[in-house]
């Protein structure tokens, strides 16, 4: 898909802030990832829209020195786990909608979110910090699910299968944190 096709025509009228009645010619837009020049259509009825980031695939160019989180297997696995968490918490009673269900979902989403946020940081120290937050969220999901099992809200076999996947992700996050610690000088 061409990058130009990712720009959509808006139905909402744009506001003309210029004093003159003449239309301005479009100017070039610069994308830092590949310094590719694009022309934005600034006529009335057209507005600039950023590319849909969900269309980008692993291996897509990154901006500046940022790591591409989509390339990290740990991010991909934690995204899958977040989806599986949503499926698992559907089994919890409806009265837990604003209790454990909500808490578990938010913690599960926090795992890949913090990995992604850490990738956007410029230093290894900051990246490690967000990986640590991600690991804390993984332990929170585990604790909340164990509590749900103890309250007989979820069956042992479903929980065990899920916890095995969660523990594998916890080990991988911890391994990545250890590699970052050992690669730092001093």
N, C-alpha and C. Protein backbone atom coordinates (compact mmCIF):
# COMPACT_ATOMS: atom_id res chain seq x y z
N UNK A 1 0.85 -1.18 0.00
CA UNK A 1 0.00 0.00 0.00
C UNK A 1 0.88 1.23 0.00
N UNK A 2 0.62 2.12 -0.89
CA UNK A 2 1.37 3.35 -0.97
C UNK A 2 1.04 4.26 0.20
N UNK A 3 2.01 4.97 0.67
CA UNK A 3 1.81 5.85 1.81
C UNK A 3 0.78 6.93 1.50
N UNK A 4 0.74 7.41 0.25
CA UNK A 4 -0.22 8.45 -0.10
C UNK A 4 -1.65 7.97 0.06
N UNK A 5 -1.90 6.67 -0.15
CA UNK A 5 -3.27 6.16 -0.05
C UNK A 5 -3.75 6.08 1.39
N UNK A 6 -2.87 6.32 2.31
CA UNK A 6 -3.27 6.30 3.72
C UNK A 6 -3.85 7.62 4.19
N UNK A 7 -3.93 8.59 3.30
CA UNK A 7 -4.49 9.88 3.65
C UNK A 7 -5.93 9.91 3.18
N UNK A 8 -6.82 10.28 4.09
CA UNK A 8 -8.25 10.21 3.78
C UNK A 8 -8.83 11.60 3.55
N UNK A 9 -9.86 11.63 2.73
CA UNK A 9 -10.60 12.87 2.50
C UNK A 9 -11.59 13.02 3.65
N UNK A 10 -11.59 14.15 4.27
CA UNK A 10 -12.46 14.38 5.41
C UNK A 10 -13.77 15.00 4.95
N UNK A 11 -14.86 14.61 5.60
CA UNK A 11 -16.16 15.21 5.30
C UNK A 11 -16.37 16.53 6.03
N UNK A 12 -15.57 16.76 7.05
CA UNK A 12 -15.72 18.00 7.80
C UNK A 12 -14.95 19.11 7.10
N UNK A 13 -15.54 20.32 7.02
CA UNK A 13 -14.85 21.42 6.35
C UNK A 13 -13.66 21.87 7.17
N UNK A 14 -12.59 22.24 6.49
CA UNK A 14 -11.43 22.75 7.21
C UNK A 14 -11.62 24.25 7.40
N UNK A 15 -10.97 24.78 8.40
CA UNK A 15 -11.10 26.20 8.72
C UNK A 15 -9.98 26.95 8.04
N UNK A 16 -10.33 27.98 7.28
CA UNK A 16 -9.35 28.80 6.60
C UNK A 16 -8.91 29.90 7.55
N UNK A 17 -7.65 29.84 7.98
CA UNK A 17 -7.13 30.83 8.92
C UNK A 17 -6.36 31.94 8.23
N UNK A 18 -6.24 31.87 6.90
CA UNK A 18 -5.50 32.90 6.18
C UNK A 18 -6.37 34.13 5.96
N UNK A 19 -5.73 35.27 5.72
CA UNK A 19 -6.46 36.51 5.48
C UNK A 19 -6.87 36.64 4.02
N UNK A 20 -6.15 35.98 3.13
CA UNK A 20 -6.46 36.11 1.71
C UNK A 20 -7.51 35.07 1.30
N UNK A 21 -8.17 35.32 0.19
CA UNK A 21 -9.20 34.42 -0.31
C UNK A 21 -8.63 33.39 -1.30
N UNK A 22 -7.35 33.50 -1.61
CA UNK A 22 -6.77 32.55 -2.56
C UNK A 22 -6.33 31.29 -1.82
N UNK A 23 -6.46 30.15 -2.53
CA UNK A 23 -6.04 28.88 -1.93
C UNK A 23 -4.52 28.77 -2.01
N UNK A 24 -3.95 28.27 -0.95
CA UNK A 24 -2.51 28.08 -0.91
C UNK A 24 -2.16 26.76 -1.57
N UNK A 25 -0.99 26.72 -2.17
CA UNK A 25 -0.51 25.48 -2.76
C UNK A 25 -0.03 24.57 -1.63
N UNK A 26 -0.20 23.25 -1.84
CA UNK A 26 0.25 22.32 -0.80
C UNK A 26 1.76 22.38 -0.62
N UNK A 27 2.17 22.19 0.60
CA UNK A 27 3.59 22.19 0.91
C UNK A 27 4.07 20.77 1.21
N UNK A 28 5.39 20.55 1.16
CA UNK A 28 5.90 19.20 1.42
C UNK A 28 5.86 18.87 2.90
N UNK A 29 5.64 17.62 3.21
CA UNK A 29 5.68 17.12 4.58
C UNK A 29 6.85 16.16 4.66
N UNK A 30 7.59 16.23 5.72
CA UNK A 30 8.76 15.39 5.86
C UNK A 30 8.52 14.34 6.94
N UNK A 31 8.71 13.06 6.61
CA UNK A 31 8.61 11.98 7.58
C UNK A 31 10.02 11.60 7.99
N UNK A 32 10.36 11.66 9.28
CA UNK A 32 11.72 11.39 9.71
C UNK A 32 12.19 9.97 9.43
N UNK A 33 11.30 9.00 9.31
CA UNK A 33 11.71 7.61 9.15
C UNK A 33 12.52 7.41 7.88
N UNK A 34 12.08 7.97 6.79
CA UNK A 34 12.78 7.74 5.54
C UNK A 34 12.94 9.02 4.75
N UNK A 35 12.69 10.16 5.37
CA UNK A 35 12.79 11.47 4.75
C UNK A 35 12.08 11.54 3.40
N UNK A 36 10.97 10.87 3.30
CA UNK A 36 10.19 10.84 2.07
C UNK A 36 9.29 12.07 2.04
N UNK A 37 9.34 12.82 0.93
CA UNK A 37 8.51 14.01 0.82
C UNK A 37 7.14 13.64 0.28
N UNK A 38 6.12 14.14 0.94
CA UNK A 38 4.75 13.95 0.50
C UNK A 38 4.11 15.32 0.39
N UNK A 39 3.10 15.42 -0.42
CA UNK A 39 2.39 16.68 -0.56
C UNK A 39 1.01 16.53 0.04
N UNK A 40 0.65 17.41 0.95
CA UNK A 40 -0.67 17.36 1.56
C UNK A 40 -1.61 18.25 0.78
N UNK A 41 -2.80 17.79 0.53
CA UNK A 41 -3.80 18.58 -0.17
C UNK A 41 -4.48 19.48 0.85
N UNK A 42 -4.32 20.79 0.72
CA UNK A 42 -4.86 21.70 1.70
C UNK A 42 -6.09 22.44 1.20
N UNK A 43 -6.71 21.94 0.13
CA UNK A 43 -7.94 22.56 -0.34
C UNK A 43 -9.03 22.36 0.70
N UNK A 44 -10.04 23.19 0.64
CA UNK A 44 -11.16 23.05 1.56
C UNK A 44 -11.80 21.68 1.35
N UNK A 45 -12.10 21.01 2.45
CA UNK A 45 -12.69 19.68 2.37
C UNK A 45 -11.67 18.57 2.51
N UNK A 46 -10.39 18.91 2.51
CA UNK A 46 -9.35 17.91 2.68
C UNK A 46 -8.53 18.26 3.92
N UNK A 47 -8.25 17.27 4.72
CA UNK A 47 -7.38 17.48 5.86
C UNK A 47 -6.33 16.39 5.88
N UNK A 48 -5.22 16.68 6.47
CA UNK A 48 -4.13 15.72 6.58
C UNK A 48 -4.45 14.72 7.69
N UNK A 49 -4.23 13.47 7.41
CA UNK A 49 -4.42 12.41 8.40
C UNK A 49 -3.15 11.58 8.46
N UNK A 50 -2.68 11.30 9.66
CA UNK A 50 -1.47 10.50 9.79
C UNK A 50 -1.76 9.06 9.36
N UNK A 51 -0.74 8.33 8.94
CA UNK A 51 -0.94 6.94 8.54
C UNK A 51 -1.47 6.12 9.71
N UNK A 52 -2.27 5.12 9.41
CA UNK A 52 -2.78 4.21 10.43
C UNK A 52 -1.63 3.32 10.87
N UNK A 53 -1.20 3.44 12.10
CA UNK A 53 -0.05 2.70 12.58
C UNK A 53 -0.30 1.20 12.65
N UNK A 54 -1.57 0.79 12.70
CA UNK A 54 -1.86 -0.64 12.72
C UNK A 54 -1.59 -1.28 11.38
N UNK A 55 -1.47 -0.47 10.31
CA UNK A 55 -1.16 -1.00 8.99
C UNK A 55 0.32 -1.37 8.87
N UNK A 56 1.16 -0.81 9.73
CA UNK A 56 2.58 -1.10 9.65
C UNK A 56 2.86 -2.52 10.13
N UNK A 57 3.72 -3.19 9.47
CA UNK A 57 4.07 -4.56 9.79
C UNK A 57 5.41 -4.58 10.51
N UNK A 58 5.74 -5.72 11.19
CA UNK A 58 7.07 -5.83 11.76
C UNK A 58 8.12 -5.58 10.68
N UNK A 59 9.17 -4.89 11.05
CA UNK A 59 10.21 -4.55 10.09
C UNK A 59 9.99 -3.20 9.43
N UNK A 60 8.87 -2.54 9.76
CA UNK A 60 8.57 -1.23 9.19
C UNK A 60 9.59 -0.23 9.72
N UNK A 61 9.84 0.84 8.98
CA UNK A 61 10.84 1.81 9.44
C UNK A 61 10.42 2.46 10.75
N UNK A 62 11.40 2.82 11.53
CA UNK A 62 11.13 3.49 12.80
C UNK A 62 11.54 4.95 12.68
N UNK A 63 11.15 5.77 13.64
CA UNK A 63 11.47 7.19 13.64
C UNK A 63 12.69 7.41 14.52
N UNK A 64 13.73 7.95 13.93
CA UNK A 64 14.94 8.28 14.68
C UNK A 64 15.59 7.04 15.28
N UNK A 65 15.92 7.12 16.58
CA UNK A 65 16.62 6.04 17.26
C UNK A 65 15.68 5.07 17.96
N UNK A 66 14.39 5.23 17.80
CA UNK A 66 13.45 4.36 18.49
C UNK A 66 13.57 2.92 18.00
N UNK A 67 13.37 1.99 18.92
CA UNK A 67 13.30 0.58 18.55
C UNK A 67 11.91 0.32 18.00
N UNK A 68 11.79 -0.62 17.10
CA UNK A 68 10.47 -0.97 16.59
C UNK A 68 9.91 -2.08 17.48
N UNK A 69 8.98 -1.73 18.34
CA UNK A 69 8.43 -2.71 19.29
C UNK A 69 7.73 -3.86 18.59
N UNK A 70 7.24 -3.64 17.37
CA UNK A 70 6.56 -4.70 16.63
C UNK A 70 7.49 -5.85 16.29
N UNK A 71 8.79 -5.58 16.26
CA UNK A 71 9.78 -6.62 15.97
C UNK A 71 10.09 -7.48 17.18
N UNK A 72 9.74 -7.04 18.36
CA UNK A 72 10.05 -7.80 19.58
C UNK A 72 9.04 -8.94 19.77
N UNK A 73 9.57 -10.16 19.83
CA UNK A 73 8.69 -11.32 20.06
C UNK A 73 7.95 -11.19 21.38
N UNK A 74 8.60 -10.62 22.37
CA UNK A 74 7.97 -10.48 23.68
C UNK A 74 6.75 -9.55 23.61
N UNK A 75 6.82 -8.52 22.76
CA UNK A 75 5.65 -7.65 22.57
C UNK A 75 4.55 -8.41 21.86
N UNK A 76 4.89 -9.16 20.82
CA UNK A 76 3.91 -9.93 20.07
C UNK A 76 3.22 -10.96 20.97
N UNK A 77 4.01 -11.65 21.79
CA UNK A 77 3.45 -12.65 22.70
C UNK A 77 2.56 -12.00 23.76
N UNK A 78 2.99 -10.85 24.26
CA UNK A 78 2.18 -10.19 25.29
C UNK A 78 0.90 -9.60 24.71
N UNK A 79 0.90 -9.23 23.44
CA UNK A 79 -0.34 -8.80 22.79
C UNK A 79 -1.31 -9.97 22.69
N UNK A 80 -0.80 -11.13 22.30
CA UNK A 80 -1.64 -12.34 22.24
C UNK A 80 -2.19 -12.67 23.62
N UNK A 81 -1.34 -12.55 24.63
CA UNK A 81 -1.77 -12.83 25.99
C UNK A 81 -2.85 -11.86 26.44
N UNK A 82 -2.74 -10.59 26.06
CA UNK A 82 -3.76 -9.59 26.43
C UNK A 82 -5.10 -9.97 25.83
N UNK A 83 -5.10 -10.42 24.57
CA UNK A 83 -6.34 -10.86 23.93
C UNK A 83 -6.90 -12.08 24.66
N UNK A 84 -6.04 -13.03 24.99
CA UNK A 84 -6.48 -14.23 25.71
C UNK A 84 -7.00 -13.88 27.10
N UNK A 85 -6.43 -12.85 27.71
CA UNK A 85 -6.90 -12.40 29.02
C UNK A 85 -8.34 -11.90 28.93
N UNK A 86 -8.63 -11.13 27.89
CA UNK A 86 -10.00 -10.64 27.70
C UNK A 86 -10.97 -11.81 27.58
N UNK A 87 -10.55 -12.86 26.86
CA UNK A 87 -11.41 -14.04 26.71
C UNK A 87 -11.58 -14.75 28.05
N UNK A 88 -10.51 -14.86 28.81
CA UNK A 88 -10.55 -15.56 30.09
C UNK A 88 -11.43 -14.84 31.11
N UNK A 89 -11.33 -13.52 31.18
CA UNK A 89 -12.10 -12.80 32.20
C UNK A 89 -13.59 -12.75 31.87
N UNK A 90 -13.96 -13.11 30.64
CA UNK A 90 -15.39 -13.21 30.32
C UNK A 90 -16.06 -14.29 31.18
N UNK A 91 -15.26 -15.23 31.69
CA UNK A 91 -15.78 -16.31 32.53
C UNK A 91 -16.09 -15.84 33.95
N UNK A 92 -15.54 -14.70 34.33
CA UNK A 92 -15.79 -14.19 35.68
C UNK A 92 -17.23 -13.68 35.79
N UNK A 93 -17.78 -13.71 36.99
CA UNK A 93 -19.17 -13.26 37.18
C UNK A 93 -19.37 -11.80 36.77
N UNK A 94 -20.56 -11.47 36.32
CA UNK A 94 -20.88 -10.12 35.88
C UNK A 94 -20.70 -9.09 36.99
N UNK A 95 -20.93 -9.49 38.24
CA UNK A 95 -20.77 -8.53 39.34
C UNK A 95 -19.32 -8.09 39.53
N UNK A 96 -18.38 -8.77 38.88
CA UNK A 96 -16.97 -8.39 38.94
C UNK A 96 -16.58 -7.45 37.80
N UNK A 97 -17.57 -6.95 37.06
CA UNK A 97 -17.31 -6.09 35.90
C UNK A 97 -16.40 -4.91 36.27
N UNK A 98 -16.63 -4.30 37.41
CA UNK A 98 -15.84 -3.14 37.82
C UNK A 98 -14.80 -3.50 38.88
N UNK A 99 -14.70 -4.77 39.20
CA UNK A 99 -13.72 -5.24 40.17
C UNK A 99 -12.57 -5.96 39.50
N UNK A 100 -12.52 -7.27 39.73
CA UNK A 100 -11.42 -8.07 39.19
C UNK A 100 -11.34 -8.05 37.68
N UNK A 101 -12.48 -8.10 36.99
CA UNK A 101 -12.46 -8.10 35.52
C UNK A 101 -11.71 -6.88 35.00
N UNK A 102 -12.09 -5.73 35.49
CA UNK A 102 -11.47 -4.48 35.05
C UNK A 102 -9.99 -4.43 35.41
N UNK A 103 -9.67 -4.84 36.63
CA UNK A 103 -8.29 -4.80 37.11
C UNK A 103 -7.39 -5.72 36.28
N UNK A 104 -7.87 -6.92 36.01
CA UNK A 104 -7.08 -7.89 35.25
C UNK A 104 -6.88 -7.41 33.82
N UNK A 105 -7.92 -6.89 33.22
CA UNK A 105 -7.81 -6.39 31.83
C UNK A 105 -6.81 -5.25 31.73
N UNK A 106 -6.90 -4.30 32.65
CA UNK A 106 -5.99 -3.15 32.60
C UNK A 106 -4.54 -3.59 32.80
N UNK A 107 -4.32 -4.52 33.72
CA UNK A 107 -2.95 -5.00 33.95
C UNK A 107 -2.43 -5.76 32.73
N UNK A 108 -3.29 -6.56 32.09
CA UNK A 108 -2.87 -7.33 30.91
C UNK A 108 -2.53 -6.41 29.74
N UNK A 109 -3.29 -5.35 29.57
CA UNK A 109 -3.02 -4.38 28.49
C UNK A 109 -1.74 -3.62 28.80
N UNK A 110 -1.44 -3.43 30.06
CA UNK A 110 -0.25 -2.70 30.47
C UNK A 110 1.04 -3.42 30.09
N UNK A 111 0.99 -4.73 29.96
CA UNK A 111 2.22 -5.49 29.64
C UNK A 111 2.76 -5.07 28.27
N UNK A 112 2.02 -5.26 27.17
CA UNK A 112 2.57 -4.85 25.88
C UNK A 112 2.68 -3.33 25.73
N UNK A 113 1.80 -2.60 26.41
CA UNK A 113 1.84 -1.13 26.31
C UNK A 113 3.15 -0.57 26.86
N UNK A 114 3.60 -1.10 27.98
CA UNK A 114 4.85 -0.61 28.57
C UNK A 114 6.07 -1.08 27.78
N UNK A 115 5.99 -2.25 27.17
CA UNK A 115 7.09 -2.68 26.30
C UNK A 115 7.20 -1.71 25.13
N UNK A 116 6.06 -1.38 24.55
CA UNK A 116 6.05 -0.43 23.42
C UNK A 116 6.55 0.94 23.84
N UNK A 117 6.09 1.42 24.99
CA UNK A 117 6.53 2.73 25.45
C UNK A 117 8.03 2.74 25.73
N UNK A 118 8.52 1.66 26.31
CA UNK A 118 9.96 1.57 26.56
C UNK A 118 10.78 1.63 25.29
N UNK A 119 10.26 1.05 24.24
CA UNK A 119 10.96 1.07 22.94
C UNK A 119 11.09 2.48 22.39
N UNK A 120 10.19 3.36 22.78
CA UNK A 120 10.24 4.73 22.27
C UNK A 120 11.25 5.59 23.02
N UNK A 121 11.78 5.08 24.10
CA UNK A 121 12.72 5.87 24.90
C UNK A 121 14.12 5.80 24.32
N UNK A 122 14.90 6.83 24.57
CA UNK A 122 16.20 6.94 23.92
C UNK A 122 17.32 6.17 24.62
N UNK A 123 17.14 5.84 25.89
CA UNK A 123 18.23 5.17 26.59
C UNK A 123 17.84 3.75 27.00
N UNK A 124 18.86 2.93 27.16
CA UNK A 124 18.65 1.56 27.62
C UNK A 124 18.08 1.56 29.05
N UNK A 125 18.51 2.53 29.85
CA UNK A 125 18.04 2.63 31.23
C UNK A 125 16.52 2.85 31.26
N UNK A 126 16.04 3.75 30.40
CA UNK A 126 14.59 4.01 30.34
C UNK A 126 13.84 2.80 29.79
N UNK A 127 14.42 2.15 28.78
CA UNK A 127 13.81 0.95 28.22
C UNK A 127 13.66 -0.11 29.31
N UNK A 128 14.72 -0.32 30.08
CA UNK A 128 14.70 -1.29 31.18
C UNK A 128 13.62 -0.92 32.21
N UNK A 129 13.49 0.35 32.50
CA UNK A 129 12.48 0.81 33.47
C UNK A 129 11.07 0.40 33.03
N UNK A 130 10.76 0.60 31.74
CA UNK A 130 9.43 0.25 31.26
C UNK A 130 9.24 -1.26 31.16
N UNK A 131 10.32 -1.99 30.91
CA UNK A 131 10.23 -3.46 30.95
C UNK A 131 9.92 -3.92 32.38
N UNK A 132 10.50 -3.24 33.36
CA UNK A 132 10.22 -3.58 34.77
C UNK A 132 8.75 -3.32 35.11
N UNK A 133 8.20 -2.22 34.60
CA UNK A 133 6.78 -1.94 34.83
C UNK A 133 5.93 -3.01 34.16
N UNK A 134 6.33 -3.43 32.98
CA UNK A 134 5.63 -4.49 32.27
C UNK A 134 5.65 -5.79 33.08
N UNK A 135 6.78 -6.10 33.66
CA UNK A 135 6.90 -7.31 34.49
C UNK A 135 6.01 -7.22 35.73
N UNK A 136 5.97 -6.05 36.35
CA UNK A 136 5.09 -5.84 37.51
C UNK A 136 3.63 -6.08 37.11
N UNK A 137 3.24 -5.60 35.94
CA UNK A 137 1.87 -5.80 35.46
C UNK A 137 1.59 -7.28 35.23
N UNK A 138 2.57 -8.01 34.73
CA UNK A 138 2.40 -9.46 34.51
C UNK A 138 2.18 -10.17 35.85
N UNK A 139 2.93 -9.77 36.87
CA UNK A 139 2.73 -10.37 38.20
C UNK A 139 1.37 -9.98 38.78
N UNK A 140 0.92 -8.78 38.47
CA UNK A 140 -0.41 -8.35 38.92
C UNK A 140 -1.50 -9.20 38.29
N UNK A 141 -1.38 -9.47 36.98
CA UNK A 141 -2.36 -10.34 36.31
C UNK A 141 -2.38 -11.70 36.97
N UNK A 142 -1.19 -12.25 37.23
CA UNK A 142 -1.10 -13.58 37.86
C UNK A 142 -1.76 -13.58 39.23
N UNK A 143 -1.46 -12.59 40.05
CA UNK A 143 -2.03 -12.50 41.40
C UNK A 143 -3.55 -12.40 41.36
N UNK A 144 -4.06 -11.54 40.49
CA UNK A 144 -5.51 -11.35 40.40
C UNK A 144 -6.22 -12.62 39.92
N UNK A 145 -5.61 -13.35 39.00
CA UNK A 145 -6.22 -14.59 38.51
C UNK A 145 -6.17 -15.70 39.58
N UNK A 146 -5.09 -15.74 40.34
CA UNK A 146 -5.02 -16.71 41.44
C UNK A 146 -6.11 -16.39 42.47
N UNK A 147 -6.32 -15.11 42.74
CA UNK A 147 -7.40 -14.71 43.65
C UNK A 147 -8.76 -15.14 43.10
N UNK A 148 -8.98 -14.94 41.82
CA UNK A 148 -10.25 -15.36 41.20
C UNK A 148 -10.45 -16.86 41.31
N UNK A 149 -9.37 -17.62 41.18
CA UNK A 149 -9.45 -19.08 41.32
C UNK A 149 -9.78 -19.45 42.76
N UNK A 150 -9.15 -18.79 43.71
CA UNK A 150 -9.41 -19.07 45.14
C UNK A 150 -10.84 -18.72 45.53
N UNK A 151 -11.43 -17.77 44.83
CA UNK A 151 -12.82 -17.39 45.09
C UNK A 151 -13.79 -18.22 44.25
N UNK A 152 -13.28 -19.28 43.61
CA UNK A 152 -14.06 -20.20 42.77
C UNK A 152 -14.76 -19.49 41.62
N UNK A 153 -14.12 -18.49 41.05
CA UNK A 153 -14.68 -17.77 39.92
C UNK A 153 -14.18 -18.32 38.59
N UNK A 154 -13.10 -19.09 38.65
CA UNK A 154 -12.48 -19.63 37.43
C UNK A 154 -11.95 -21.02 37.75
N UNK A 155 -11.98 -21.91 36.75
CA UNK A 155 -11.56 -23.30 36.99
C UNK A 155 -10.04 -23.45 36.96
N UNK A 156 -9.58 -24.47 37.67
CA UNK A 156 -8.15 -24.74 37.79
C UNK A 156 -7.49 -24.97 36.43
N UNK A 157 -8.10 -25.82 35.59
CA UNK A 157 -7.44 -26.19 34.34
C UNK A 157 -7.30 -25.01 33.39
N UNK A 158 -8.30 -24.14 33.31
CA UNK A 158 -8.18 -22.94 32.45
C UNK A 158 -7.11 -22.01 32.99
N UNK A 159 -7.06 -21.87 34.30
CA UNK A 159 -6.08 -20.99 34.92
C UNK A 159 -4.67 -21.52 34.73
N UNK A 160 -4.48 -22.82 34.92
CA UNK A 160 -3.15 -23.41 34.80
C UNK A 160 -2.59 -23.22 33.40
N UNK A 161 -3.40 -23.46 32.39
CA UNK A 161 -2.98 -23.29 30.99
C UNK A 161 -2.56 -21.84 30.71
N UNK A 162 -3.36 -20.92 31.21
CA UNK A 162 -3.07 -19.49 31.01
C UNK A 162 -1.82 -19.09 31.76
N UNK A 163 -1.69 -19.54 33.01
CA UNK A 163 -0.54 -19.15 33.83
C UNK A 163 0.78 -19.67 33.27
N UNK A 164 0.74 -20.81 32.59
CA UNK A 164 1.96 -21.32 31.97
C UNK A 164 2.45 -20.35 30.88
N UNK A 165 1.52 -19.83 30.09
CA UNK A 165 1.89 -18.85 29.06
C UNK A 165 2.35 -17.54 29.70
N UNK A 166 1.65 -17.12 30.74
CA UNK A 166 2.02 -15.88 31.43
C UNK A 166 3.41 -16.00 32.06
N UNK A 167 3.69 -17.13 32.71
CA UNK A 167 5.01 -17.33 33.32
C UNK A 167 6.13 -17.34 32.29
N UNK A 168 5.86 -17.87 31.11
CA UNK A 168 6.86 -17.85 30.03
C UNK A 168 7.17 -16.41 29.63
N UNK A 169 6.15 -15.59 29.54
CA UNK A 169 6.34 -14.17 29.20
C UNK A 169 7.09 -13.45 30.31
N UNK A 170 6.76 -13.75 31.56
CA UNK A 170 7.47 -13.14 32.69
C UNK A 170 8.96 -13.47 32.64
N UNK A 171 9.28 -14.74 32.34
CA UNK A 171 10.69 -15.14 32.25
C UNK A 171 11.40 -14.41 31.11
N UNK A 172 10.72 -14.25 29.97
CA UNK A 172 11.34 -13.57 28.83
C UNK A 172 11.57 -12.09 29.11
N UNK A 173 10.61 -11.45 29.77
CA UNK A 173 10.79 -10.03 30.14
C UNK A 173 11.96 -9.91 31.10
N UNK A 174 12.01 -10.79 32.10
CA UNK A 174 13.09 -10.76 33.08
C UNK A 174 14.44 -11.02 32.41
N UNK A 175 14.48 -11.91 31.45
CA UNK A 175 15.70 -12.20 30.71
C UNK A 175 16.17 -10.98 29.93
N UNK A 176 15.25 -10.28 29.31
CA UNK A 176 15.59 -9.07 28.56
C UNK A 176 16.11 -7.98 29.50
N UNK A 177 15.49 -7.85 30.66
CA UNK A 177 15.96 -6.88 31.66
C UNK A 177 17.40 -7.23 32.08
N UNK A 178 17.65 -8.53 32.32
CA UNK A 178 19.00 -8.97 32.73
C UNK A 178 20.02 -8.69 31.65
N UNK A 179 19.66 -8.90 30.39
CA UNK A 179 20.59 -8.62 29.29
C UNK A 179 20.92 -7.13 29.22
N UNK A 180 19.92 -6.30 29.44
CA UNK A 180 20.16 -4.86 29.40
C UNK A 180 21.07 -4.46 30.57
N UNK A 181 20.83 -5.03 31.77
CA UNK A 181 21.66 -4.73 32.93
C UNK A 181 23.11 -5.13 32.68
N UNK A 182 23.31 -6.32 32.09
CA UNK A 182 24.68 -6.82 31.89
C UNK A 182 25.40 -6.10 30.74
N UNK A 183 24.64 -5.48 29.84
CA UNK A 183 25.28 -4.79 28.73
C UNK A 183 25.68 -3.37 29.07
N UNK A 184 25.18 -2.87 30.19
CA UNK A 184 25.50 -1.49 30.60
C UNK A 184 26.88 -1.46 31.22
N UNK A 185 27.69 -0.47 30.87
CA UNK A 185 29.03 -0.35 31.48
C UNK A 185 28.93 0.07 32.94
N UNK A 186 29.88 -0.41 33.70
CA UNK A 186 29.98 0.00 35.10
C UNK A 186 29.19 -0.84 35.94
